[in-house]
């Protein structure tokens, strides 16, 4: 029988769609064109240069905003703001802030050089480029705030108990616990025997049943049958009560990001029995 990978619930964050992003990009593009100009708002619509300038500004704004949008969604898949904050903040700054600024910098130099407007480049650096930098930083900050609020809302909607005891089911000779150890991992069976595995945790857990196993954090995977219950821990995490003959003093903590999903899985698994 072929099983899917270990249960690792992580619902993608639904950021606002293009119907909202594109109109906002148009407003930003318009502001970049008219910033510092003495004319009134409606007067720009009668000026021939306004529309080509708006089109160029809009294309740049859309490219930058879409790049930040998709890179943020990709980083969400690999680095959680809640679990992997040091890695995520550095990745977001490099990919979501620094890289767009570098691209805009070289694009502006190329654009003004091709159009013979080198004299306007200094003015662009003093005014427009600073606005672009603010726009990029604000957009990244918006996605961070949206991510945190969305996670908190999803967690608040769950009405699952913080303390639960379910009798242990009959055990087989399967793996009880798998945990990472640098680039390798260790497997503990139900007799408490530990076996060192040279392969990575990701490769080792491939093929395990999602019904029986749960990845409680980035380094620990545990079988349902060796969990005796759970109780609240600090920072909205959960600490598992694991059979001592298997745990041997090792603590098993369900991360904040996966606490709700774990409760759902554990309660559902208990009802199934």
C-alpha atoms as a PDB file:
ATOM      1  CA  UNK A   1       0.000   0.000   0.000  1.00  0.00           C
ATOM      2  CA  UNK A   2       1.279   3.465  -0.879  1.00  0.00           C
ATOM      3  CA  UNK A   3       0.900   6.179   1.757  1.00  0.00           C
ATOM      4  CA  UNK A   4       1.226   9.918   1.443  1.00  0.00           C
ATOM      5  CA  UNK A   5       3.765  11.902   3.437  1.00  0.00           C
ATOM      6  CA  UNK A   6       3.491  12.588   7.163  1.00  0.00           C
ATOM      7  CA  UNK A   7       0.583  14.796   8.154  1.00  0.00           C
ATOM      8  CA  UNK A   8       1.906  18.344   8.131  1.00  0.00           C
ATOM      9  CA  UNK A   9      -1.057  20.691   7.964  1.00  0.00           C
ATOM     10  CA  UNK A  10      -0.175  24.155   6.746  1.00  0.00           C
ATOM     11  CA  UNK A  11      -3.017  25.941   5.007  1.00  0.00           C
ATOM     12  CA  UNK A  12      -1.701  28.518   2.510  1.00  0.00           C
ATOM     13  CA  UNK A  13      -2.339  32.126   3.430  1.00  0.00           C
ATOM     14  CA  UNK A  14      -4.929  33.663   1.117  1.00  0.00           C
ATOM     15  CA  UNK A  15      -3.490  37.097   0.363  1.00  0.00           C
ATOM     16  CA  UNK A  16      -5.652  39.639  -1.529  1.00  0.00           C
ATOM     17  CA  UNK A  17      -6.098  38.814  -5.195  1.00  0.00           C
ATOM     18  CA  UNK A  18      -5.190  40.721  -8.342  1.00  0.00           C
ATOM     19  CA  UNK A  19      -8.514  42.599  -8.251  1.00  0.00           C
ATOM     20  CA  UNK A  20      -7.115  44.536  -5.285  1.00  0.00           C
ATOM     21  CA  UNK A  21      -3.404  44.530  -6.094  1.00  0.00           C
ATOM     22  CA  UNK A  22      -3.703  46.019  -9.594  1.00  0.00           C
ATOM     23  CA  UNK A  23      -5.866  49.054  -8.658  1.00  0.00           C
ATOM     24  CA  UNK A  24      -3.489  49.778  -5.781  1.00  0.00           C
ATOM     25  CA  UNK A  25      -0.570  49.496  -8.195  1.00  0.00           C
ATOM     26  CA  UNK A  26      -2.302  52.037 -10.448  1.00  0.00           C
ATOM     27  CA  UNK A  27      -2.686  54.491  -7.547  1.00  0.00           C
ATOM     28  CA  UNK A  28       0.975  54.079  -6.594  1.00  0.00           C
ATOM     29  CA  UNK A  29       2.048  54.510 -10.220  1.00  0.00           C
ATOM     30  CA  UNK A  30       0.001  57.707 -10.514  1.00  0.00           C
ATOM     31  CA  UNK A  31       1.495  59.077  -7.316  1.00  0.00           C
ATOM     32  CA  UNK A  32       5.035  58.357  -8.537  1.00  0.00           C
ATOM     33  CA  UNK A  33       4.324  60.317 -11.737  1.00  0.00           C
ATOM     34  CA  UNK A  34       2.720  63.376 -10.138  1.00  0.00           C
ATOM     35  CA  UNK A  35       4.819  63.558  -6.978  1.00  0.00           C
ATOM     36  CA  UNK A  36       6.456  66.971  -6.654  1.00  0.00           C
ATOM     37  CA  UNK A  37       4.604  68.466  -9.645  1.00  0.00           C
ATOM     38  CA  UNK A  38       2.787  71.797  -9.147  1.00  0.00           C
ATOM     39  CA  UNK A  39      -0.269  70.901 -11.281  1.00  0.00           C
ATOM     40  CA  UNK A  40      -3.586  69.953  -9.759  1.00  0.00           C
ATOM     41  CA  UNK A  41      -4.867  66.379  -9.887  1.00  0.00           C
ATOM     42  CA  UNK A  42      -7.300  66.801 -12.800  1.00  0.00           C
ATOM     43  CA  UNK A  43      -4.818  68.817 -14.884  1.00  0.00           C
ATOM     44  CA  UNK A  44      -2.594  65.802 -15.470  1.00  0.00           C
ATOM     45  CA  UNK A  45      -5.276  64.119 -17.557  1.00  0.00           C
ATOM     46  CA  UNK A  46      -4.880  66.870 -20.189  1.00  0.00           C
ATOM     47  CA  UNK A  47      -1.103  66.562 -20.426  1.00  0.00           C
ATOM     48  CA  UNK A  48       0.286  64.381 -23.268  1.00  0.00           C
ATOM     49  CA  UNK A  49       3.328  63.199 -21.307  1.00  0.00           C
ATOM     50  CA  UNK A  50       1.226  61.933 -18.394  1.00  0.00           C
ATOM     51  CA  UNK A  51      -0.087  58.752 -20.016  1.00  0.00           C
ATOM     52  CA  UNK A  52       3.216  57.327 -21.325  1.00  0.00           C
ATOM     53  CA  UNK A  53       4.806  58.126 -17.966  1.00  0.00           C
ATOM     54  CA  UNK A  54       1.903  56.493 -16.135  1.00  0.00           C
ATOM     55  CA  UNK A  55       2.145  53.381 -18.315  1.00  0.00           C
ATOM     56  CA  UNK A  56       5.855  52.940 -17.626  1.00  0.00           C
ATOM     57  CA  UNK A  57       5.361  53.605 -13.919  1.00  0.00           C
ATOM     58  CA  UNK A  58       2.427  51.171 -13.799  1.00  0.00           C
ATOM     59  CA  UNK A  59       4.406  48.371 -15.471  1.00  0.00           C
ATOM     60  CA  UNK A  60       7.260  48.798 -13.005  1.00  0.00           C
ATOM     61  CA  UNK A  61       4.884  48.944 -10.047  1.00  0.00           C
ATOM     62  CA  UNK A  62       3.009  45.812 -11.132  1.00  0.00           C
ATOM     63  CA  UNK A  63       6.218  43.879 -11.762  1.00  0.00           C
ATOM     64  CA  UNK A  64       7.600  44.827  -8.365  1.00  0.00           C
ATOM     65  CA  UNK A  65       4.356  44.146  -6.479  1.00  0.00           C
ATOM     66  CA  UNK A  66       3.783  40.799  -8.234  1.00  0.00           C
ATOM     67  CA  UNK A  67       7.355  39.725  -7.575  1.00  0.00           C
ATOM     68  CA  UNK A  68       6.972  40.527  -3.881  1.00  0.00           C
ATOM     69  CA  UNK A  69       3.590  38.766  -3.813  1.00  0.00           C
ATOM     70  CA  UNK A  70       4.831  35.508  -5.344  1.00  0.00           C
ATOM     71  CA  UNK A  71       8.146  35.493  -3.494  1.00  0.00           C
ATOM     72  CA  UNK A  72       6.239  35.985  -0.219  1.00  0.00           C
ATOM     73  CA  UNK A  73       3.949  33.048  -1.005  1.00  0.00           C
ATOM     74  CA  UNK A  74       6.977  30.921  -1.869  1.00  0.00           C
ATOM     75  CA  UNK A  75       8.762  31.863   1.355  1.00  0.00           C
ATOM     76  CA  UNK A  76       5.573  31.044   3.295  1.00  0.00           C
ATOM     77  CA  UNK A  77       5.926  27.494   2.036  1.00  0.00           C
ATOM     78  CA  UNK A  78       9.498  27.109   3.289  1.00  0.00           C
ATOM     79  CA  UNK A  79       9.829  29.434   6.283  1.00  0.00           C
ATOM     80  CA  UNK A  80       7.068  30.227   8.750  1.00  0.00           C
ATOM     81  CA  UNK A  81       7.039  33.673  10.360  1.00  0.00           C
ATOM     82  CA  UNK A  82       6.106  31.960  13.646  1.00  0.00           C
ATOM     83  CA  UNK A  83       8.517  29.003  13.640  1.00  0.00           C
ATOM     84  CA  UNK A  84      11.456  30.141  11.496  1.00  0.00           C
ATOM     85  CA  UNK A  85      11.574  33.845  12.225  1.00  0.00           C
ATOM     86  CA  UNK A  86      15.384  34.359  11.918  1.00  0.00           C
ATOM     87  CA  UNK A  87      15.513  32.581   8.551  1.00  0.00           C
ATOM     88  CA  UNK A  88      12.302  34.167   7.339  1.00  0.00           C
ATOM     89  CA  UNK A  89      13.156  37.769   8.165  1.00  0.00           C
ATOM     90  CA  UNK A  90      16.566  37.492   6.494  1.00  0.00           C
ATOM     91  CA  UNK A  91      15.071  35.787   3.419  1.00  0.00           C
ATOM     92  CA  UNK A  92      12.267  38.347   3.191  1.00  0.00           C
ATOM     93  CA  UNK A  93      14.705  41.257   3.404  1.00  0.00           C
ATOM     94  CA  UNK A  94      17.003  39.808   0.738  1.00  0.00           C
ATOM     95  CA  UNK A  95      14.345  38.564  -1.701  1.00  0.00           C
ATOM     96  CA  UNK A  96      11.412  40.837  -0.926  1.00  0.00           C
ATOM     97  CA  UNK A  97      13.225  44.138  -0.312  1.00  0.00           C
ATOM     98  CA  UNK A  98      16.841  44.212  -1.496  1.00  0.00           C
ATOM     99  CA  UNK A  99      16.353  42.359  -4.790  1.00  0.00           C
ATOM    100  CA  UNK A 100      13.447  44.554  -6.032  1.00  0.00           C
ATOM    101  CA  UNK A 101      15.418  47.689  -5.084  1.00  0.00           C
ATOM    102  CA  UNK A 102      18.414  46.494  -7.094  1.00  0.00           C
ATOM    103  CA  UNK A 103      16.231  45.651 -10.111  1.00  0.00           C
ATOM    104  CA  UNK A 104      14.484  49.048 -10.001  1.00  0.00           C
ATOM    105  CA  UNK A 105      17.855  50.785  -9.672  1.00  0.00           C
ATOM    106  CA  UNK A 106      19.295  49.234 -12.831  1.00  0.00           C
ATOM    107  CA  UNK A 107      16.032  49.569 -14.726  1.00  0.00           C
ATOM    108  CA  UNK A 108      15.898  53.295 -13.963  1.00  0.00           C
ATOM    109  CA  UNK A 109      19.482  53.791 -15.133  1.00  0.00           C
ATOM    110  CA  UNK A 110      18.729  51.933 -18.352  1.00  0.00           C
ATOM    111  CA  UNK A 111      15.448  53.769 -18.973  1.00  0.00           C
ATOM    112  CA  UNK A 112      16.868  57.285 -18.528  1.00  0.00           C
ATOM    113  CA  UNK A 113      19.959  56.401 -20.559  1.00  0.00           C
ATOM    114  CA  UNK A 114      17.962  55.044 -23.515  1.00  0.00           C
ATOM    115  CA  UNK A 115      15.582  58.007 -23.513  1.00  0.00           C
ATOM    116  CA  UNK A 116      18.396  60.558 -23.308  1.00  0.00           C
ATOM    117  CA  UNK A 117      17.115  61.941 -20.013  1.00  0.00           C
ATOM    118  CA  UNK A 118      20.243  61.490 -17.965  1.00  0.00           C
ATOM    119  CA  UNK A 119      19.696  64.904 -16.377  1.00  0.00           C
ATOM    120  CA  UNK A 120      16.452  63.664 -14.827  1.00  0.00           C
ATOM    121  CA  UNK A 121      18.191  60.694 -13.202  1.00  0.00           C
ATOM    122  CA  UNK A 122      19.544  62.697 -10.271  1.00  0.00           C
ATOM    123  CA  UNK A 123      16.074  63.995  -9.530  1.00  0.00           C
ATOM    124  CA  UNK A 124      14.752  60.446  -9.723  1.00  0.00           C
ATOM    125  CA  UNK A 125      17.252  59.272  -7.088  1.00  0.00           C
ATOM    126  CA  UNK A 126      16.365  62.121  -4.744  1.00  0.00           C
ATOM    127  CA  UNK A 127      12.593  61.757  -4.917  1.00  0.00           C
ATOM    128  CA  UNK A 128      11.076  58.845  -6.824  1.00  0.00           C
ATOM    129  CA  UNK A 129      13.526  56.139  -5.781  1.00  0.00           C
ATOM    130  CA  UNK A 130      12.911  56.918  -2.113  1.00  0.00           C
ATOM    131  CA  UNK A 131       9.173  56.568  -2.751  1.00  0.00           C
ATOM    132  CA  UNK A 132       9.733  53.244  -4.481  1.00  0.00           C
ATOM    133  CA  UNK A 133      11.790  52.041  -1.501  1.00  0.00           C
ATOM    134  CA  UNK A 134       9.002  53.071   0.879  1.00  0.00           C
ATOM    135  CA  UNK A 135       6.447  51.289  -1.292  1.00  0.00           C
ATOM    136  CA  UNK A 136       8.495  48.064  -1.286  1.00  0.00           C
ATOM    137  CA  UNK A 137       9.035  48.147   2.477  1.00  0.00           C
ATOM    138  CA  UNK A 138       5.367  48.915   3.153  1.00  0.00           C
ATOM    139  CA  UNK A 139       4.241  46.085   0.874  1.00  0.00           C
ATOM    140  CA  UNK A 140       6.464  43.565   2.666  1.00  0.00           C
ATOM    141  CA  UNK A 141       5.240  44.850   6.032  1.00  0.00           C
ATOM    142  CA  UNK A 142       1.642  44.544   4.879  1.00  0.00           C
ATOM    143  CA  UNK A 143       2.089  40.876   3.960  1.00  0.00           C
ATOM    144  CA  UNK A 144       3.733  40.194   7.332  1.00  0.00           C
ATOM    145  CA  UNK A 145       0.876  41.851   9.260  1.00  0.00           C
ATOM    146  CA  UNK A 146      -1.724  40.116   7.089  1.00  0.00           C
ATOM    147  CA  UNK A 147      -0.009  36.745   7.703  1.00  0.00           C
ATOM    148  CA  UNK A 148       0.036  37.144  11.488  1.00  0.00           C
ATOM    149  CA  UNK A 149      -3.570  38.371  11.677  1.00  0.00           C
ATOM    150  CA  UNK A 150      -4.791  35.545   9.440  1.00  0.00           C
ATOM    151  CA  UNK A 151      -3.029  32.917  11.559  1.00  0.00           C
ATOM    152  CA  UNK A 152      -4.442  34.368  14.779  1.00  0.00           C
ATOM    153  CA  UNK A 153      -7.964  34.442  13.317  1.00  0.00           C
ATOM    154  CA  UNK A 154      -7.739  30.836  12.170  1.00  0.00           C
ATOM    155  CA  UNK A 155      -6.498  29.737  15.571  1.00  0.00           C
ATOM    156  CA  UNK A 156      -9.281  31.631  17.379  1.00  0.00           C
ATOM    157  CA  UNK A 157     -11.939  29.876  15.270  1.00  0.00           C
ATOM    158  CA  UNK A 158     -10.860  26.469  16.480  1.00  0.00           C
ATOM    159  CA  UNK A 159     -12.789  25.300  19.540  1.00  0.00           C
ATOM    160  CA  UNK A 160     -10.696  22.317  20.537  1.00  0.00           C
ATOM    161  CA  UNK A 161      -9.795  21.334  24.122  1.00  0.00           C
ATOM    162  CA  UNK A 162      -6.449  22.314  25.615  1.00  0.00           C
ATOM    163  CA  UNK A 163      -6.273  19.142  27.718  1.00  0.00           C
ATOM    164  CA  UNK A 164      -7.250  15.706  26.486  1.00  0.00           C
ATOM    165  CA  UNK A 165      -6.650  12.090  27.462  1.00  0.00           C
ATOM    166  CA  UNK A 166      -7.335   9.212  25.091  1.00  0.00           C
ATOM    167  CA  UNK A 167      -6.573   5.598  26.002  1.00  0.00           C
ATOM    168  CA  UNK A 168      -3.661   4.026  24.133  1.00  0.00           C
ATOM    169  CA  UNK A 169      -4.509   1.612  21.380  1.00  0.00           C
ATOM    170  CA  UNK A 170      -2.755  -1.674  20.812  1.00  0.00           C
ATOM    171  CA  UNK A 171       0.787  -1.203  19.561  1.00  0.00           C
ATOM    172  CA  UNK A 172       2.583  -2.896  16.716  1.00  0.00           C
ATOM    173  CA  UNK A 173       6.251  -3.169  15.842  1.00  0.00           C
ATOM    174  CA  UNK A 174       6.277   0.102  13.879  1.00  0.00           C
ATOM    175  CA  UNK A 175       8.393   3.184  14.475  1.00  0.00           C
ATOM    176  CA  UNK A 176       7.242   5.232  17.437  1.00  0.00           C
ATOM    177  CA  UNK A 177       9.299   8.428  17.112  1.00  0.00           C
ATOM    178  CA  UNK A 178      11.547   9.882  14.449  1.00  0.00           C
ATOM    179  CA  UNK A 179      13.591  12.989  15.179  1.00  0.00           C
ATOM    180  CA  UNK A 180      16.240  14.894  13.252  1.00  0.00           C
ATOM    181  CA  UNK A 181      19.876  14.899  14.312  1.00  0.00           C
ATOM    182  CA  UNK A 182      21.795  17.384  12.170  1.00  0.00           C
ATOM    183  CA  UNK A 183      21.482  16.090   8.585  1.00  0.00           C
ATOM    184  CA  UNK A 184      20.491  12.593   9.695  1.00  0.00           C
ATOM    185  CA  UNK A 185      17.832  11.278  12.059  1.00  0.00           C
ATOM    186  CA  UNK A 186      17.133   8.792  14.855  1.00  0.00           C
ATOM    187  CA  UNK A 187      14.269   6.303  14.926  1.00  0.00           C
ATOM    188  CA  UNK A 188      12.872   4.959  18.207  1.00  0.00           C
ATOM    189  CA  UNK A 189      10.681   1.857  18.067  1.00  0.00           C
ATOM    190  CA  UNK A 190       7.965   0.910  20.547  1.00  0.00           C
ATOM    191  CA  UNK A 191      10.389  -1.106  22.655  1.00  0.00           C
ATOM    192  CA  UNK A 192      12.459   2.041  23.227  1.00  0.00           C
ATOM    193  CA  UNK A 193      15.317   0.933  20.993  1.00  0.00           C
ATOM    194  CA  UNK A 194      17.011   3.745  19.059  1.00  0.00           C
ATOM    195  CA  UNK A 195      18.392   3.303  15.561  1.00  0.00           C
ATOM    196  CA  UNK A 196      20.525   5.886  13.785  1.00  0.00           C
ATOM    197  CA  UNK A 197      19.487   6.602  10.182  1.00  0.00           C
ATOM    198  CA  UNK A 198      21.996   8.129   7.780  1.00  0.00           C
ATOM    199  CA  UNK A 199      19.267   9.584   5.593  1.00  0.00           C
ATOM    200  CA  UNK A 200      17.586  12.949   6.259  1.00  0.00           C
ATOM    201  CA  UNK A 201      14.346  13.254   8.218  1.00  0.00           C
ATOM    202  CA  UNK A 202      12.456  14.277   5.083  1.00  0.00           C
ATOM    203  CA  UNK A 203      13.506  11.148   3.200  1.00  0.00           C
ATOM    204  CA  UNK A 204      13.078   8.859   6.198  1.00  0.00           C
ATOM    205  CA  UNK A 205       9.433   9.769   6.819  1.00  0.00           C
ATOM    206  CA  UNK A 206       8.365   9.369   3.202  1.00  0.00           C
ATOM    207  CA  UNK A 207       5.713   6.677   2.920  1.00  0.00           C
ATOM    208  CA  UNK A 208       4.560   6.841   6.547  1.00  0.00           C
ATOM    209  CA  UNK A 209       0.815   6.838   7.123  1.00  0.00           C
ATOM    210  CA  UNK A 210      -0.733  10.233   7.730  1.00  0.00           C
ATOM    211  CA  UNK A 211      -3.290   8.526   9.982  1.00  0.00           C
ATOM    212  CA  UNK A 212      -0.634   7.336  12.424  1.00  0.00           C
ATOM    213  CA  UNK A 213       2.128   9.950  12.244  1.00  0.00           C
ATOM    214  CA  UNK A 214       2.263  13.695  12.813  1.00  0.00           C
ATOM    215  CA  UNK A 215       5.163  16.103  12.391  1.00  0.00           C
ATOM    216  CA  UNK A 216       4.772  18.169  15.568  1.00  0.00           C
ATOM    217  CA  UNK A 217       7.606  20.584  14.724  1.00  0.00           C
ATOM    218  CA  UNK A 218      10.471  20.869  12.270  1.00  0.00           C
ATOM    219  CA  UNK A 219      12.460  18.028  13.809  1.00  0.00           C
ATOM    220  CA  UNK A 220      10.053  15.577  15.519  1.00  0.00           C
ATOM    221  CA  UNK A 221       7.607  13.072  14.035  1.00  0.00           C
ATOM    222  CA  UNK A 222       5.554  10.941  16.403  1.00  0.00           C
ATOM    223  CA  UNK A 223       3.216   7.953  16.187  1.00  0.00           C
ATOM    224  CA  UNK A 224      -0.275   8.343  17.587  1.00  0.00           C
ATOM    225  CA  UNK A 225      -0.072   5.227  19.768  1.00  0.00           C
ATOM    226  CA  UNK A 226       2.756   6.481  21.956  1.00  0.00           C
ATOM    227  CA  UNK A 227       0.965   9.740  22.840  1.00  0.00           C
ATOM    228  CA  UNK A 228      -0.855   9.539  26.165  1.00  0.00           C
ATOM    229  CA  UNK A 229      -2.233  13.071  26.011  1.00  0.00           C
ATOM    230  CA  UNK A 230      -1.209  16.704  25.800  1.00  0.00           C
ATOM    231  CA  UNK A 231      -1.381  19.890  27.843  1.00  0.00           C
ATOM    232  CA  UNK A 232      -0.705  23.614  27.298  1.00  0.00           C
ATOM    233  CA  UNK A 233       2.850  24.872  27.210  1.00  0.00           C
ATOM    234  CA  UNK A 234       4.331  28.360  26.866  1.00  0.00           C
ATOM    235  CA  UNK A 235       3.659  30.600  23.841  1.00  0.00           C
ATOM    236  CA  UNK A 236       0.548  28.618  22.846  1.00  0.00           C
ATOM    237  CA  UNK A 237       2.530  25.478  22.186  1.00  0.00           C
ATOM    238  CA  UNK A 238       1.565  22.037  23.463  1.00  0.00           C
ATOM    239  CA  UNK A 239       3.641  19.533  25.404  1.00  0.00           C
ATOM    240  CA  UNK A 240       2.915  15.881  24.736  1.00  0.00           C
ATOM    241  CA  UNK A 241       2.652  13.203  27.400  1.00  0.00           C
ATOM    242  CA  UNK A 242       4.628  10.356  25.838  1.00  0.00           C
ATOM    243  CA  UNK A 243       5.197   6.917  27.301  1.00  0.00           C
ATOM    244  CA  UNK A 244       8.382   7.206  29.347  1.00  0.00           C
ATOM    245  CA  UNK A 245       9.787   3.896  28.132  1.00  0.00           C
ATOM    246  CA  UNK A 246       9.833   5.433  24.658  1.00  0.00           C
ATOM    247  CA  UNK A 247      10.514   9.109  25.426  1.00  0.00           C
ATOM    248  CA  UNK A 248      13.276   8.404  27.996  1.00  0.00           C
ATOM    249  CA  UNK A 249      13.192  11.929  29.376  1.00  0.00           C
ATOM    250  CA  UNK A 250      12.987  13.684  26.020  1.00  0.00           C
ATOM    251  CA  UNK A 251      10.298  16.375  25.777  1.00  0.00           C
ATOM    252  CA  UNK A 252       8.080  16.641  22.724  1.00  0.00           C
ATOM    253  CA  UNK A 253       6.641  20.089  21.987  1.00  0.00           C
ATOM    254  CA  UNK A 254       4.027  20.837  19.344  1.00  0.00           C
ATOM    255  CA  UNK A 255       4.886  24.186  17.790  1.00  0.00           C
ATOM    256  CA  UNK A 256       2.435  27.074  17.910  1.00  0.00           C
ATOM    257  CA  UNK A 257       1.957  26.928  14.145  1.00  0.00           C
ATOM    258  CA  UNK A 258       0.870  23.285  14.272  1.00  0.00           C
ATOM    259  CA  UNK A 259      -0.958  23.181  17.610  1.00  0.00           C
ATOM    260  CA  UNK A 260      -4.450  23.551  16.140  1.00  0.00           C
ATOM    261  CA  UNK A 261      -3.791  21.042  13.374  1.00  0.00           C
ATOM    262  CA  UNK A 262      -2.401  18.577  15.918  1.00  0.00           C
ATOM    263  CA  UNK A 263      -5.511  18.827  18.087  1.00  0.00           C
ATOM    264  CA  UNK A 264      -7.681  18.209  15.062  1.00  0.00           C
ATOM    265  CA  UNK A 265      -5.608  15.191  14.064  1.00  0.00           C
ATOM    266  CA  UNK A 266      -5.389  13.743  17.582  1.00  0.00           C
ATOM    267  CA  UNK A 267      -9.068  14.182  18.392  1.00  0.00           C
ATOM    268  CA  UNK A 268     -10.077  12.751  15.029  1.00  0.00           C
ATOM    269  CA  UNK A 269      -7.726   9.803  15.460  1.00  0.00           C
ATOM    270  CA  UNK A 270      -9.167   9.084  18.886  1.00  0.00           C
ATOM    271  CA  UNK A 271     -12.740   9.155  17.612  1.00  0.00           C
ATOM    272  CA  UNK A 272     -11.806   6.792  14.810  1.00  0.00           C
ATOM    273  CA  UNK A 273     -10.888   4.195  17.365  1.00  0.00           C
END
